[in-house]
Amino acid sequence: MTRKKMLNQQGVTLLEILVSIVILSIILVSMMYIFPQMGFINQKNQEKTQAINTAKEILVEWQRKEEIISFLAKPTLHKKPDYLSERTNDYYAAFPKGDWQVAITIAKQSDINTNPTKAHQIHVQLYGGNHSVVSESYGYILVEE
């Protein structure tokens, strides 16, 4: 390279440096907005998953409760459990479980009338802090008559 060409080469100007800093700043600020949102969404998904698992656990627990099975099999012979309140078409129970309020509804009448087994529908709902349903699960309590 000749000496004349070396003297004519220009370096990076201050304006180019400022433009590149502004572009990088815009990219970094937008990235900083995305990460907290991802964390918030992950936390909500984790809470929802935990609520689904809790609703399923409660459903299985209630499907196996002998006092409820006995009562549904022969309501005239067995005393209704104290934690169940009676409504027109169903039985109802509500109680807190961890961070949630649980509401359980059990149908009085069997949906399936096959001898000797009957199936009473059970509906488990978990409510969050803002009184909205976080999770729900359905199942049946099988009763032998």
Protein backbone atom coordinates (compact mmCIF):
# COMPACT_ATOMS: atom_id res chain seq x y z
CA MET A 1 0.00 0.00 0.00
CA THR A 2 1.26 3.39 -0.80
CA ARG A 3 1.63 6.14 1.72
CA LYS A 4 -1.01 8.28 0.00
CA LYS A 5 -3.70 5.58 0.33
CA MET A 6 -2.91 5.11 4.01
CA LEU A 7 -3.43 8.80 4.69
CA ASN A 8 -6.81 8.85 2.87
CA GLN A 9 -8.37 6.00 4.94
CA GLN A 10 -11.00 7.28 7.32
CA GLY A 11 -11.78 5.71 10.67
CA VAL A 12 -15.13 5.30 12.41
CA THR A 13 -16.82 8.59 13.04
CA LEU A 14 -18.40 9.64 16.30
CA LEU A 15 -21.83 9.63 14.65
CA GLU A 16 -21.48 5.96 13.64
CA ILE A 17 -20.50 5.02 17.20
CA LEU A 18 -23.51 6.87 18.64
CA VAL A 19 -25.91 5.22 16.18
CA SER A 20 -24.58 1.75 17.04
CA ILE A 21 -24.92 2.48 20.79
CA VAL A 22 -28.54 3.62 20.29
CA ILE A 23 -29.38 0.49 18.29
CA LEU A 24 -27.80 -1.78 20.91
CA SER A 25 -29.64 0.09 23.68
CA ILE A 26 -32.99 -0.42 21.97
CA ILE A 27 -32.29 -4.15 21.59
CA LEU A 28 -31.19 -4.52 25.22
CA VAL A 29 -34.18 -2.59 26.61
CA SER A 30 -36.61 -4.76 24.64
CA MET A 31 -34.84 -7.89 25.93
CA MET A 32 -35.10 -6.62 29.50
CA TYR A 33 -38.88 -6.35 29.02
CA ILE A 34 -39.19 -9.92 27.70
CA PHE A 35 -37.40 -11.74 30.56
CA PRO A 36 -39.68 -10.59 33.42
CA GLN A 37 -42.72 -11.46 31.30
CA MET A 38 -41.37 -14.95 30.71
CA GLY A 39 -40.79 -15.36 34.45
CA PHE A 40 -44.34 -14.22 35.21
CA ILE A 41 -45.82 -16.63 32.67
CA ASN A 42 -43.70 -19.50 34.03
CA GLN A 43 -44.90 -18.75 37.57
CA LYS A 44 -48.56 -18.76 36.46
CA ASN A 45 -48.07 -22.03 34.59
CA GLN A 46 -46.45 -23.58 37.65
CA GLU A 47 -49.37 -22.48 39.86
CA LYS A 48 -51.87 -23.85 37.32
CA THR A 49 -50.05 -27.19 37.15
CA GLN A 50 -49.97 -27.41 40.94
CA ALA A 51 -53.70 -26.61 41.09
CA ILE A 52 -54.51 -29.31 38.53
CA ASN A 53 -52.54 -31.90 40.52
CA THR A 54 -54.19 -30.82 43.78
CA ALA A 55 -57.69 -31.06 42.23
CA LYS A 56 -56.94 -34.57 40.97
CA GLU A 57 -55.57 -35.64 44.38
CA ILE A 58 -58.70 -34.32 46.13
CA LEU A 59 -60.90 -36.09 43.57
CA VAL A 60 -59.19 -39.44 44.17
CA GLU A 61 -59.28 -38.94 47.94
CA TRP A 62 -63.03 -38.25 47.90
CA GLN A 63 -63.74 -41.14 45.54
CA ARG A 64 -62.25 -43.46 48.17
CA LYS A 65 -63.92 -42.04 51.31
CA GLU A 66 -65.82 -44.92 52.85
CA GLU A 67 -68.24 -42.71 54.78
CA ILE A 68 -69.38 -41.01 51.57
CA ILE A 69 -69.62 -44.28 49.66
CA SER A 70 -71.69 -45.84 52.46
CA PHE A 71 -73.94 -42.80 52.69
CA LEU A 72 -74.54 -42.66 48.91
CA ALA A 73 -75.24 -46.40 48.83
CA LYS A 74 -77.94 -46.22 51.51
CA PRO A 75 -78.75 -42.65 52.57
CA THR A 76 -81.60 -43.81 54.80
CA LEU A 77 -79.38 -46.14 56.83
CA HIS A 78 -76.20 -44.06 57.09
CA LYS A 79 -75.79 -40.61 58.57
CA LYS A 80 -74.75 -37.85 56.18
CA PRO A 81 -71.19 -36.70 56.98
CA ASP A 82 -71.18 -33.36 58.85
CA TYR A 83 -68.95 -31.66 56.28
CA LEU A 84 -71.53 -32.21 53.52
CA SER A 85 -74.39 -29.77 53.14
CA GLU A 86 -77.50 -30.82 51.27
CA ARG A 87 -78.87 -28.88 48.34
CA THR A 88 -81.73 -29.62 45.97
CA ASN A 89 -79.94 -31.92 43.50
CA ASP A 90 -76.58 -32.48 45.15
CA TYR A 91 -74.37 -32.47 48.20
CA TYR A 92 -71.83 -29.72 48.68
CA ALA A 93 -68.64 -29.23 50.70
CA ALA A 94 -66.21 -26.31 50.85
CA PHE A 95 -62.90 -26.01 52.69
CA PRO A 96 -59.48 -24.37 52.33
CA LYS A 97 -56.52 -26.36 50.99
CA GLY A 98 -53.20 -24.56 50.81
CA ASP A 99 -53.57 -21.37 48.79
CA TRP A 100 -56.94 -22.40 47.38
CA GLN A 101 -60.54 -22.66 48.43
CA VAL A 102 -61.98 -26.05 47.44
CA ALA A 103 -65.62 -26.61 46.45
CA ILE A 104 -66.92 -30.15 45.97
CA THR A 105 -70.29 -31.08 44.50
CA ILE A 106 -71.63 -34.65 44.53
CA ALA A 107 -74.78 -35.51 42.59
CA LYS A 108 -77.55 -37.05 44.70
CA GLN A 109 -78.84 -39.17 41.85
CA SER A 110 -76.67 -41.66 40.05
CA ASP A 111 -75.89 -40.91 36.40
CA ILE A 112 -75.48 -44.59 35.61
CA ASN A 113 -77.92 -47.11 37.05
CA THR A 114 -76.44 -50.49 36.39
CA ASN A 115 -77.03 -53.11 39.02
CA PRO A 116 -75.34 -53.51 41.43
CA THR A 117 -73.13 -50.45 40.82
CA LYS A 118 -74.20 -46.82 40.59
CA ALA A 119 -72.06 -43.82 39.71
CA HIS A 120 -72.54 -40.41 41.35
CA GLN A 121 -70.78 -37.55 39.60
CA ILE A 122 -68.32 -35.55 41.70
CA HIS A 123 -67.05 -32.12 40.68
CA VAL A 124 -63.97 -30.59 42.37
CA GLN A 125 -63.21 -26.88 41.90
CA LEU A 126 -60.22 -24.91 43.21
CA TYR A 127 -60.63 -21.15 43.59
CA GLY A 128 -57.70 -18.73 43.72
CA GLY A 129 -57.21 -15.54 45.69
CA ASN A 130 -59.39 -13.51 43.34
CA HIS A 131 -62.31 -16.00 43.68
CA SER A 132 -61.90 -17.32 40.15
CA VAL A 133 -61.69 -21.00 39.27
CA VAL A 134 -58.04 -22.01 38.96
CA SER A 135 -58.69 -25.67 38.24
CA GLU A 136 -61.50 -28.19 38.22
CA SER A 137 -61.82 -31.91 37.86
CA TYR A 138 -64.73 -34.31 37.30
CA GLY A 139 -65.14 -37.93 38.19
CA TYR A 140 -67.52 -40.52 39.61
CA ILE A 141 -67.97 -42.14 42.99
CA LEU A 142 -68.82 -45.78 42.36
CA VAL A 143 -71.34 -47.20 44.82
CA GLU A 144 -72.23 -50.86 45.26
CA GLU A 145 -75.78 -51.38 46.48
